[in-house]
Amino acid sequence: RVLLERIKAVPKAAFSAPEDRPTLQMHYDSLRVTELLQPRSIVLVDDVVTQGTMLLASATRLREAMPHTEIRVFALIRTKSRAEIEHIEESCVGKIKPRGQRAVREP
């Protein structure tokens, strides 16, 4: 089942300069919740997370529709800018928080 659907295209962050990447608002406005289920928890899955702006916008959209649902995210790879990925096996637990119109990952 698809619970979250992109209804408007946004530029791909991976191919944009940092200052040109889509904002939280751009991502948020491009999404809609398609079903109003009330699960106890949801795990959002992404392949690569850089800053986390898309994941934060997605979680915010879901939180509005399902305020009592625990929302967590999982990304296969975390990276910073275009740096080489040295150790794909390194795991990390952290938080993604808003910072202006973008997001910041800790760590």
C-alpha atoms as a PDB file:
ATOM      1  CA  ARG A   1       0.000   0.000   0.000  1.00  0.00           C
ATOM      2  CA  VAL A   2       1.112   3.500  -0.759  1.00  0.00           C
ATOM      3  CA  LEU A   3       0.436   5.821   2.164  1.00  0.00           C
ATOM      4  CA  LEU A   4       2.366   8.770   0.836  1.00  0.00           C
ATOM      5  CA  GLU A   5       2.357   9.893  -2.777  1.00  0.00           C
ATOM      6  CA  ARG A   6       4.354  12.533  -4.617  1.00  0.00           C
ATOM      7  CA  ILE A   7       1.862  14.672  -6.548  1.00  0.00           C
ATOM      8  CA  LYS A   8       4.273  17.283  -7.898  1.00  0.00           C
ATOM      9  CA  ALA A   9       7.847  16.863  -9.111  1.00  0.00           C
ATOM     10  CA  VAL A  10      10.694  18.631  -7.339  1.00  0.00           C
ATOM     11  CA  PRO A  11      14.332  18.911  -8.462  1.00  0.00           C
ATOM     12  CA  LYS A  12      16.486  15.962  -7.416  1.00  0.00           C
ATOM     13  CA  ALA A  13      18.645  17.078  -4.491  1.00  0.00           C
ATOM     14  CA  ALA A  14      21.539  14.768  -5.405  1.00  0.00           C
ATOM     15  CA  PHE A  15      22.103  16.664  -8.659  1.00  0.00           C
ATOM     16  CA  SER A  16      21.617  20.168  -7.238  1.00  0.00           C
ATOM     17  CA  ALA A  17      24.058  22.546  -5.621  1.00  0.00           C
ATOM     18  CA  PRO A  18      23.394  22.724  -1.859  1.00  0.00           C
ATOM     19  CA  GLU A  19      21.760  26.159  -2.118  1.00  0.00           C
ATOM     20  CA  ASP A  20      19.481  24.959  -4.954  1.00  0.00           C
ATOM     21  CA  ARG A  21      18.182  21.823  -3.258  1.00  0.00           C
ATOM     22  CA  PRO A  22      14.426  21.606  -2.658  1.00  0.00           C
ATOM     23  CA  THR A  23      13.255  23.150   0.607  1.00  0.00           C
ATOM     24  CA  LEU A  24      11.169  21.515   3.306  1.00  0.00           C
ATOM     25  CA  GLN A  25       8.137  23.435   2.044  1.00  0.00           C
ATOM     26  CA  MET A  26       8.717  22.332  -1.565  1.00  0.00           C
ATOM     27  CA  HIS A  27       8.880  18.687  -0.515  1.00  0.00           C
ATOM     28  CA  TYR A  28       5.918  19.046   1.849  1.00  0.00           C
ATOM     29  CA  ASP A  29       3.757  20.672  -0.839  1.00  0.00           C
ATOM     30  CA  SER A  30       4.652  17.894  -3.295  1.00  0.00           C
ATOM     31  CA  LEU A  31       3.252  15.114  -1.065  1.00  0.00           C
ATOM     32  CA  ARG A  32      -0.168  13.853  -0.042  1.00  0.00           C
ATOM     33  CA  VAL A  33      -1.369  11.084   2.238  1.00  0.00           C
ATOM     34  CA  THR A  34      -3.435   8.606   0.231  1.00  0.00           C
ATOM     35  CA  GLU A  35      -4.947   6.516   3.035  1.00  0.00           C
ATOM     36  CA  LEU A  36      -5.933   7.425   6.553  1.00  0.00           C
ATOM     37  CA  LEU A  37      -4.877   4.306   8.379  1.00  0.00           C
ATOM     38  CA  GLN A  38      -4.053   4.551  12.057  1.00  0.00           C
ATOM     39  CA  PRO A  39      -1.162   2.124  12.523  1.00  0.00           C
ATOM     40  CA  ARG A  40       0.810   2.182  15.760  1.00  0.00           C
ATOM     41  CA  SER A  41       4.016   2.826  13.830  1.00  0.00           C
ATOM     42  CA  ILE A  42       5.336   3.565  10.352  1.00  0.00           C
ATOM     43  CA  VAL A  43       8.877   3.183   9.023  1.00  0.00           C
ATOM     44  CA  LEU A  44       9.768   5.458   6.107  1.00  0.00           C
ATOM     45  CA  VAL A  45      12.509   3.920   3.958  1.00  0.00           C
ATOM     46  CA  ASP A  46      14.913   5.877   1.755  1.00  0.00           C
ATOM     47  CA  ASP A  47      17.933   4.733  -0.213  1.00  0.00           C
ATOM     48  CA  VAL A  48      20.273   7.673   0.507  1.00  0.00           C
ATOM     49  CA  VAL A  49      19.870  10.509   3.007  1.00  0.00           C
ATOM     50  CA  THR A  50      22.067  13.585   2.822  1.00  0.00           C
ATOM     51  CA  GLN A  51      20.439  16.313   4.892  1.00  0.00           C
ATOM     52  CA  GLY A  52      17.108  14.589   5.461  1.00  0.00           C
ATOM     53  CA  THR A  53      14.852  17.312   4.042  1.00  0.00           C
ATOM     54  CA  MET A  54      12.690  14.864   2.070  1.00  0.00           C
ATOM     55  CA  LEU A  55      12.369  12.467   4.998  1.00  0.00           C
ATOM     56  CA  LEU A  56      11.447  15.276   7.383  1.00  0.00           C
ATOM     57  CA  ALA A  57       8.816  16.639   4.987  1.00  0.00           C
ATOM     58  CA  SER A  58       7.385  13.127   4.537  1.00  0.00           C
ATOM     59  CA  ALA A  59       7.252  12.466   8.273  1.00  0.00           C
ATOM     60  CA  THR A  60       5.598  15.859   8.858  1.00  0.00           C
ATOM     61  CA  ARG A  61       2.919  15.155   6.252  1.00  0.00           C
ATOM     62  CA  LEU A  62       2.207  11.740   7.814  1.00  0.00           C
ATOM     63  CA  ARG A  63       2.236  13.157  11.360  1.00  0.00           C
ATOM     64  CA  GLU A  64      -0.524  15.613  10.433  1.00  0.00           C
ATOM     65  CA  ALA A  65      -2.730  12.826   9.085  1.00  0.00           C
ATOM     66  CA  MET A  66      -1.869  10.305  11.825  1.00  0.00           C
ATOM     67  CA  PRO A  67      -0.967  12.219  14.992  1.00  0.00           C
ATOM     68  CA  HIS A  68      -0.910   9.133  17.245  1.00  0.00           C
ATOM     69  CA  THR A  69       1.358   7.052  15.004  1.00  0.00           C
ATOM     70  CA  GLU A  70       5.043   6.617  15.814  1.00  0.00           C
ATOM     71  CA  ILE A  71       7.061   7.539  12.722  1.00  0.00           C
ATOM     72  CA  ARG A  72      10.637   6.374  12.237  1.00  0.00           C
ATOM     73  CA  VAL A  73      12.893   6.482   9.213  1.00  0.00           C
ATOM     74  CA  PHE A  74      15.506   4.166   7.766  1.00  0.00           C
ATOM     75  CA  ALA A  75      18.028   5.024   5.066  1.00  0.00           C
ATOM     76  CA  LEU A  76      20.405   2.502   3.573  1.00  0.00           C
ATOM     77  CA  ILE A  77      23.180   5.090   3.145  1.00  0.00           C
ATOM     78  CA  ARG A  78      23.875   8.440   4.785  1.00  0.00           C
ATOM     79  CA  THR A  79      26.261  10.804   3.130  1.00  0.00           C
ATOM     80  CA  LYS A  80      27.385  14.414   3.123  1.00  0.00           C
ATOM     81  CA  SER A  81      27.492  16.254  -0.200  1.00  0.00           C
ATOM     82  CA  ARG A  82      29.381  14.438  -2.945  1.00  0.00           C
ATOM     83  CA  ALA A  83      32.042  12.908  -0.725  1.00  0.00           C
ATOM     84  CA  GLU A  84      33.016   9.313  -1.297  1.00  0.00           C
ATOM     85  CA  ILE A  85      31.288   6.730   0.856  1.00  0.00           C
ATOM     86  CA  GLU A  86      34.084   4.978   2.707  1.00  0.00           C
ATOM     87  CA  HIS A  87      32.326   2.442   4.919  1.00  0.00           C
ATOM     88  CA  ILE A  88      28.892   1.318   3.883  1.00  0.00           C
ATOM     89  CA  GLU A  89      28.659  -0.962   6.904  1.00  0.00           C
ATOM     90  CA  GLU A  90      28.834   1.860   9.473  1.00  0.00           C
ATOM     91  CA  SER A  91      25.465   2.199  11.149  1.00  0.00           C
ATOM     92  CA  CYS A  92      24.139   5.322  12.786  1.00  0.00           C
ATOM     93  CA  VAL A  93      21.185   6.327  14.939  1.00  0.00           C
ATOM     94  CA  GLY A  94      20.290   9.988  14.974  1.00  0.00           C
ATOM     95  CA  LYS A  95      17.669  12.639  14.410  1.00  0.00           C
ATOM     96  CA  ILE A  96      16.641  14.871  11.542  1.00  0.00           C
ATOM     97  CA  LYS A  97      15.546  18.350  12.567  1.00  0.00           C
ATOM     98  CA  PRO A  98      14.387  21.438  10.690  1.00  0.00           C
ATOM     99  CA  ARG A  99      16.851  24.281  10.194  1.00  0.00           C
ATOM    100  CA  GLY A 100      15.246  27.132   8.297  1.00  0.00           C
ATOM    101  CA  GLN A 101      13.931  25.801   4.993  1.00  0.00           C
ATOM    102  CA  ARG A 102      16.206  22.758   5.085  1.00  0.00           C
ATOM    103  CA  ALA A 103      16.914  19.917   7.469  1.00  0.00           C
ATOM    104  CA  VAL A 104      19.964  18.924   9.433  1.00  0.00           C
ATOM    105  CA  ARG A 105      20.981  15.436  10.432  1.00  0.00           C
ATOM    106  CA  GLU A 106      22.443  14.671  13.861  1.00  0.00           C
ATOM    107  CA  PRO A 107      24.799  12.847  13.313  1.00  0.00           C
END
